[in-house]
Amino acid sequence: MSSVVERIRSVRTVVTRATLPPLGVRGGILLTGIVALVLAYPAQIFLSRFAFALLAAAVLPVFAPRGRWATVFAVVTVGGWVLSTTRYGEPVALWRLLGLATFLYLHHTLCALAAVLPYDAVVAPEVFTGWSVRAGAVVLASAVLGILLLAAAQWGGDRTFLAAALAGLAVAVGVAALLARLLRR
């Protein structure tokens, strides 16, 4: 019983000491999560009994951005996109795919920012400016690269998809090796 009382006191302390910038970051997590879900799932899912579960998947990373909920949200969102394009026959539109990738990335980076930002932090504007520039650069570079690769795939013949798959595998192995090397440092 005392652990419940302590948890209530800690929630009360967080609510009374919270500042606007960390709450804004958490609001951004919720907003990007909802937009990503709207882009991933067909409209009929939001009108079904699953809407509450999707809303819970978007809300949970707001309260625990450091935990597993951000990963669960990403898996639920990508699963929804796969479901909508395979089972519900939604067309694979480039704008929708780029939008989904953008909002999933922004959700992920906002969760990372919220994980290191205490509720009562006083944050300099340069923190958000730097974050915005980095996030924008990653989103822009990913979109340009994705469009160029899609255009290259249309120029090639039947072997284009094999070459793209092998190139993607090589990049994934290279990134994994780089991360392993950086972890050992």
C-alpha atoms as a PDB file:
ATOM      1  CA  MET A   1       0.000   0.000   0.000  1.00  0.00           C
ATOM      2  CA  SER A   2       2.867   2.370   0.725  1.00  0.00           C
ATOM      3  CA  SER A   3       4.217   1.919  -2.822  1.00  0.00           C
ATOM      4  CA  VAL A   4       0.882   3.095  -4.212  1.00  0.00           C
ATOM      5  CA  VAL A   5       0.973   6.164  -1.975  1.00  0.00           C
ATOM      6  CA  GLU A   6       4.561   6.900  -3.046  1.00  0.00           C
ATOM      7  CA  ARG A   7       3.630   6.570  -6.698  1.00  0.00           C
ATOM      8  CA  ILE A   8       0.730   8.991  -6.253  1.00  0.00           C
ATOM      9  CA  ARG A   9       3.074  11.450  -4.535  1.00  0.00           C
ATOM     10  CA  SER A  10       5.620  11.167  -7.335  1.00  0.00           C
ATOM     11  CA  VAL A  11       2.935  11.812  -9.972  1.00  0.00           C
ATOM     12  CA  ARG A  12       1.770  14.839  -7.984  1.00  0.00           C
ATOM     13  CA  THR A  13       5.354  16.131  -7.782  1.00  0.00           C
ATOM     14  CA  VAL A  14       5.834  15.699 -11.541  1.00  0.00           C
ATOM     15  CA  VAL A  15       2.589  17.536 -12.291  1.00  0.00           C
ATOM     16  CA  THR A  16       3.421  20.472 -10.022  1.00  0.00           C
ATOM     17  CA  ARG A  17       7.055  20.848 -11.195  1.00  0.00           C
ATOM     18  CA  ALA A  18       6.661  20.201 -14.930  1.00  0.00           C
ATOM     19  CA  THR A  19       7.775  22.938 -17.317  1.00  0.00           C
ATOM     20  CA  LEU A  20       6.476  23.736 -20.784  1.00  0.00           C
ATOM     21  CA  PRO A  21       9.359  22.491 -23.030  1.00  0.00           C
ATOM     22  CA  PRO A  22       9.367  18.869 -21.795  1.00  0.00           C
ATOM     23  CA  LEU A  23       5.579  18.799 -21.948  1.00  0.00           C
ATOM     24  CA  GLY A  24       5.765  20.174 -25.502  1.00  0.00           C
ATOM     25  CA  VAL A  25       8.146  17.368 -26.484  1.00  0.00           C
ATOM     26  CA  ARG A  26       5.714  14.828 -25.077  1.00  0.00           C
ATOM     27  CA  GLY A  27       2.874  16.532 -26.909  1.00  0.00           C
ATOM     28  CA  GLY A  28       4.957  16.183 -30.072  1.00  0.00           C
ATOM     29  CA  ILE A  29       5.299  12.463 -29.367  1.00  0.00           C
ATOM     30  CA  LEU A  30       1.527  12.147 -29.192  1.00  0.00           C
ATOM     31  CA  LEU A  31       0.934  14.269 -32.303  1.00  0.00           C
ATOM     32  CA  THR A  32       3.508  12.473 -34.469  1.00  0.00           C
ATOM     33  CA  GLY A  33       2.201   9.148 -33.207  1.00  0.00           C
ATOM     34  CA  ILE A  34      -1.387   9.915 -34.159  1.00  0.00           C
ATOM     35  CA  VAL A  35      -0.380  11.219 -37.601  1.00  0.00           C
ATOM     36  CA  ALA A  36       1.743   8.096 -38.214  1.00  0.00           C
ATOM     37  CA  LEU A  37      -1.193   5.865 -37.267  1.00  0.00           C
ATOM     38  CA  VAL A  38      -3.539   7.789 -39.562  1.00  0.00           C
ATOM     39  CA  LEU A  39      -1.083   7.345 -42.423  1.00  0.00           C
ATOM     40  CA  ALA A  40      -0.545   3.659 -41.667  1.00  0.00           C
ATOM     41  CA  TYR A  41      -4.049   2.332 -41.085  1.00  0.00           C
ATOM     42  CA  PRO A  42      -7.116   2.445 -43.327  1.00  0.00           C
ATOM     43  CA  ALA A  43     -10.038   4.583 -42.150  1.00  0.00           C
ATOM     44  CA  GLN A  44     -12.284   1.623 -41.348  1.00  0.00           C
ATOM     45  CA  ILE A  45      -9.889   0.503 -38.588  1.00  0.00           C
ATOM     46  CA  PHE A  46     -10.356   3.824 -36.789  1.00  0.00           C
ATOM     47  CA  LEU A  47     -14.104   3.295 -36.828  1.00  0.00           C
ATOM     48  CA  SER A  48     -13.829  -0.219 -35.391  1.00  0.00           C
ATOM     49  CA  ARG A  49     -13.194  -1.595 -31.926  1.00  0.00           C
ATOM     50  CA  PHE A  50      -9.423  -1.398 -32.525  1.00  0.00           C
ATOM     51  CA  ALA A  51      -9.390   2.404 -32.359  1.00  0.00           C
ATOM     52  CA  PHE A  52      -8.931   2.393 -28.570  1.00  0.00           C
ATOM     53  CA  ALA A  53      -5.952   0.030 -28.817  1.00  0.00           C
ATOM     54  CA  LEU A  54      -4.340   2.259 -31.453  1.00  0.00           C
ATOM     55  CA  LEU A  55      -4.898   5.319 -29.283  1.00  0.00           C
ATOM     56  CA  ALA A  56      -3.304   3.491 -26.339  1.00  0.00           C
ATOM     57  CA  ALA A  57      -0.324   2.591 -28.548  1.00  0.00           C
ATOM     58  CA  ALA A  58       0.107   6.296 -29.331  1.00  0.00           C
ATOM     59  CA  VAL A  59      -0.334   7.472 -25.718  1.00  0.00           C
ATOM     60  CA  LEU A  60       1.928   5.009 -23.899  1.00  0.00           C
ATOM     61  CA  PRO A  61       5.244   6.349 -25.319  1.00  0.00           C
ATOM     62  CA  VAL A  62       4.265   9.803 -24.033  1.00  0.00           C
ATOM     63  CA  PHE A  63       4.474   8.548 -20.457  1.00  0.00           C
ATOM     64  CA  ALA A  64       7.340   6.097 -20.919  1.00  0.00           C
ATOM     65  CA  PRO A  65       9.525   7.260 -23.823  1.00  0.00           C
ATOM     66  CA  ARG A  66      12.571   5.486 -22.391  1.00  0.00           C
ATOM     67  CA  GLY A  67      10.859   2.117 -22.210  1.00  0.00           C
ATOM     68  CA  ARG A  68       9.703  -0.392 -24.753  1.00  0.00           C
ATOM     69  CA  TRP A  69       6.554   1.480 -25.700  1.00  0.00           C
ATOM     70  CA  ALA A  70       8.218   3.475 -28.463  1.00  0.00           C
ATOM     71  CA  THR A  71       9.313   0.214 -30.092  1.00  0.00           C
ATOM     72  CA  VAL A  72       5.873  -1.320 -29.610  1.00  0.00           C
ATOM     73  CA  PHE A  73       4.356   1.748 -31.242  1.00  0.00           C
ATOM     74  CA  ALA A  74       6.689   1.481 -34.248  1.00  0.00           C
ATOM     75  CA  VAL A  75       5.888  -2.213 -34.705  1.00  0.00           C
ATOM     76  CA  VAL A  76       2.129  -1.558 -34.429  1.00  0.00           C
ATOM     77  CA  THR A  77       2.375   1.274 -36.953  1.00  0.00           C
ATOM     78  CA  VAL A  78       4.453  -0.629 -39.507  1.00  0.00           C
ATOM     79  CA  GLY A  79       2.193  -3.637 -39.018  1.00  0.00           C
ATOM     80  CA  GLY A  80      -0.784  -1.410 -39.771  1.00  0.00           C
ATOM     81  CA  TRP A  81       0.801  -0.205 -42.987  1.00  0.00           C
ATOM     82  CA  VAL A  82       1.507  -3.779 -44.068  1.00  0.00           C
ATOM     83  CA  LEU A  83      -2.055  -4.754 -43.135  1.00  0.00           C
ATOM     84  CA  SER A  84      -3.602  -1.858 -45.015  1.00  0.00           C
ATOM     85  CA  THR A  85      -1.603  -2.523 -48.186  1.00  0.00           C
ATOM     86  CA  THR A  86      -2.049  -6.299 -48.190  1.00  0.00           C
ATOM     87  CA  ARG A  87      -5.395  -7.112 -46.602  1.00  0.00           C
ATOM     88  CA  TYR A  88      -7.318  -3.917 -47.268  1.00  0.00           C
ATOM     89  CA  GLY A  89      -5.856  -3.324 -50.724  1.00  0.00           C
ATOM     90  CA  GLU A  90      -4.736   0.247 -50.109  1.00  0.00           C
ATOM     91  CA  PRO A  91      -2.401   1.402 -52.873  1.00  0.00           C
ATOM     92  CA  VAL A  92       1.241   2.015 -52.021  1.00  0.00           C
ATOM     93  CA  ALA A  93       1.482   5.742 -52.622  1.00  0.00           C
ATOM     94  CA  LEU A  94       4.845   7.473 -52.416  1.00  0.00           C
ATOM     95  CA  TRP A  95       3.515  10.459 -50.436  1.00  0.00           C
ATOM     96  CA  ARG A  96       1.934   8.161 -47.878  1.00  0.00           C
ATOM     97  CA  LEU A  97       5.053   6.042 -47.492  1.00  0.00           C
ATOM     98  CA  LEU A  98       7.318   9.101 -47.156  1.00  0.00           C
ATOM     99  CA  GLY A  99       4.901  10.661 -44.677  1.00  0.00           C
ATOM    100  CA  LEU A 100       4.775   7.501 -42.607  1.00  0.00           C
ATOM    101  CA  ALA A 101       8.565   7.203 -42.569  1.00  0.00           C
ATOM    102  CA  THR A 102       8.888  10.884 -41.641  1.00  0.00           C
ATOM    103  CA  PHE A 103       6.456  10.739 -38.739  1.00  0.00           C
ATOM    104  CA  LEU A 104       7.862   7.452 -37.448  1.00  0.00           C
ATOM    105  CA  TYR A 105      11.329   8.984 -37.431  1.00  0.00           C
ATOM    106  CA  LEU A 106      10.123  12.160 -35.726  1.00  0.00           C
ATOM    107  CA  HIS A 107       8.269  10.057 -33.160  1.00  0.00           C
ATOM    108  CA  HIS A 108      11.419   8.048 -32.508  1.00  0.00           C
ATOM    109  CA  THR A 109      13.664  11.104 -32.117  1.00  0.00           C
ATOM    110  CA  LEU A 110      11.135  12.880 -29.903  1.00  0.00           C
ATOM    111  CA  CYS A 111      11.006   9.803 -27.671  1.00  0.00           C
ATOM    112  CA  ALA A 112      14.801   9.863 -27.454  1.00  0.00           C
ATOM    113  CA  LEU A 113      14.738  13.566 -26.588  1.00  0.00           C
ATOM    114  CA  ALA A 114      12.008  13.090 -23.976  1.00  0.00           C
ATOM    115  CA  ALA A 115      13.922  10.188 -22.444  1.00  0.00           C
ATOM    116  CA  VAL A 116      16.813  12.482 -21.490  1.00  0.00           C
ATOM    117  CA  LEU A 117      14.749  15.585 -20.732  1.00  0.00           C
ATOM    118  CA  PRO A 118      13.434  15.760 -17.158  1.00  0.00           C
ATOM    119  CA  TYR A 119       9.909  17.075 -16.612  1.00  0.00           C
ATOM    120  CA  ASP A 120      11.180  20.116 -14.766  1.00  0.00           C
ATOM    121  CA  ALA A 121      14.010  21.050 -17.156  1.00  0.00           C
ATOM    122  CA  VAL A 122      14.668  24.586 -18.265  1.00  0.00           C
ATOM    123  CA  VAL A 123      15.663  24.209 -21.884  1.00  0.00           C
ATOM    124  CA  ALA A 124      17.547  26.693 -24.030  1.00  0.00           C
ATOM    125  CA  PRO A 125      16.024  27.344 -27.468  1.00  0.00           C
ATOM    126  CA  GLU A 126      19.263  26.147 -29.092  1.00  0.00           C
ATOM    127  CA  VAL A 127      18.438  22.596 -27.999  1.00  0.00           C
ATOM    128  CA  PHE A 128      15.278  22.565 -30.076  1.00  0.00           C
ATOM    129  CA  THR A 129      16.909  24.433 -32.955  1.00  0.00           C
ATOM    130  CA  GLY A 130      19.700  21.854 -33.166  1.00  0.00           C
ATOM    131  CA  TRP A 131      17.241  18.987 -32.888  1.00  0.00           C
ATOM    132  CA  SER A 132      15.017  20.477 -35.606  1.00  0.00           C
ATOM    133  CA  VAL A 133      17.937  20.994 -37.991  1.00  0.00           C
ATOM    134  CA  ARG A 134      19.226  17.434 -37.499  1.00  0.00           C
ATOM    135  CA  ALA A 135      15.771  15.872 -37.796  1.00  0.00           C
ATOM    136  CA  GLY A 136      14.956  17.941 -40.872  1.00  0.00           C
ATOM    137  CA  ALA A 137      18.245  16.989 -42.530  1.00  0.00           C
ATOM    138  CA  VAL A 138      17.626  13.286 -41.917  1.00  0.00           C
ATOM    139  CA  VAL A 139      14.054  13.485 -43.200  1.00  0.00           C
ATOM    140  CA  LEU A 140      15.063  15.441 -46.298  1.00  0.00           C
ATOM    141  CA  ALA A 141      18.031  13.197 -47.107  1.00  0.00           C
ATOM    142  CA  SER A 142      15.905  10.075 -46.640  1.00  0.00           C
ATOM    143  CA  ALA A 143      13.139  11.401 -48.878  1.00  0.00           C
ATOM    144  CA  VAL A 144      15.544  12.443 -51.636  1.00  0.00           C
ATOM    145  CA  LEU A 145      17.408   9.137 -51.474  1.00  0.00           C
ATOM    146  CA  GLY A 146      14.152   7.175 -51.472  1.00  0.00           C
ATOM    147  CA  ILE A 147      12.815   9.026 -54.502  1.00  0.00           C
ATOM    148  CA  LEU A 148      16.114   8.597 -56.368  1.00  0.00           C
ATOM    149  CA  LEU A 149      16.187   4.876 -55.606  1.00  0.00           C
ATOM    150  CA  LEU A 150      12.587   4.507 -56.728  1.00  0.00           C
ATOM    151  CA  ALA A 151      13.372   6.311 -59.975  1.00  0.00           C
ATOM    152  CA  ALA A 152      16.460   4.119 -60.497  1.00  0.00           C
ATOM    153  CA  ALA A 153      14.361   1.011 -59.918  1.00  0.00           C
ATOM    154  CA  GLN A 154      11.981   2.056 -62.679  1.00  0.00           C
ATOM    155  CA  TRP A 155      14.844   2.616 -65.156  1.00  0.00           C
ATOM    156  CA  GLY A 156      16.343  -0.810 -64.645  1.00  0.00           C
ATOM    157  CA  GLY A 157      15.110  -4.160 -65.855  1.00  0.00           C
ATOM    158  CA  ASP A 158      14.112  -7.265 -63.938  1.00  0.00           C
ATOM    159  CA  ARG A 159      17.359  -7.426 -61.983  1.00  0.00           C
ATOM    160  CA  THR A 160      16.821  -4.036 -60.347  1.00  0.00           C
ATOM    161  CA  PHE A 161      15.027  -5.442 -57.311  1.00  0.00           C
ATOM    162  CA  LEU A 162      17.767  -8.006 -56.717  1.00  0.00           C
ATOM    163  CA  ALA A 163      20.424  -5.293 -56.938  1.00  0.00           C
ATOM    164  CA  ALA A 164      18.424  -3.045 -54.598  1.00  0.00           C
ATOM    165  CA  ALA A 165      17.971  -5.869 -52.089  1.00  0.00           C
ATOM    166  CA  LEU A 166      21.688  -6.693 -52.151  1.00  0.00           C
ATOM    167  CA  ALA A 167      22.628  -3.013 -51.808  1.00  0.00           C
ATOM    168  CA  GLY A 168      20.225  -2.631 -48.884  1.00  0.00           C
ATOM    169  CA  LEU A 169      21.676  -5.719 -47.230  1.00  0.00           C
ATOM    170  CA  ALA A 170      25.199  -4.356 -47.690  1.00  0.00           C
ATOM    171  CA  VAL A 171      24.207  -1.022 -46.142  1.00  0.00           C
ATOM    172  CA  ALA A 172      22.517  -2.788 -43.206  1.00  0.00           C
ATOM    173  CA  VAL A 173      25.605  -4.916 -42.555  1.00  0.00           C
ATOM    174  CA  GLY A 174      27.824  -1.833 -42.828  1.00  0.00           C
ATOM    175  CA  VAL A 175      25.708   0.124 -40.350  1.00  0.00           C
ATOM    176  CA  ALA A 176      25.674  -2.823 -37.932  1.00  0.00           C
ATOM    177  CA  ALA A 177      29.455  -3.114 -38.161  1.00  0.00           C
ATOM    178  CA  LEU A 178      29.870   0.624 -37.616  1.00  0.00           C
ATOM    179  CA  LEU A 179      27.591   0.571 -34.577  1.00  0.00           C
ATOM    180  CA  ALA A 180      29.432  -2.442 -33.133  1.00  0.00           C
ATOM    181  CA  ARG A 181      32.730  -0.644 -33.591  1.00  0.00           C
ATOM    182  CA  LEU A 182      31.407   2.509 -31.956  1.00  0.00           C
ATOM    183  CA  LEU A 183      30.047   0.514 -29.012  1.00  0.00           C
ATOM    184  CA  ARG A 184      33.472  -0.992 -28.358  1.00  0.00           C
ATOM    185  CA  ARG A 185      35.104   2.438 -28.131  1.00  0.00           C
END
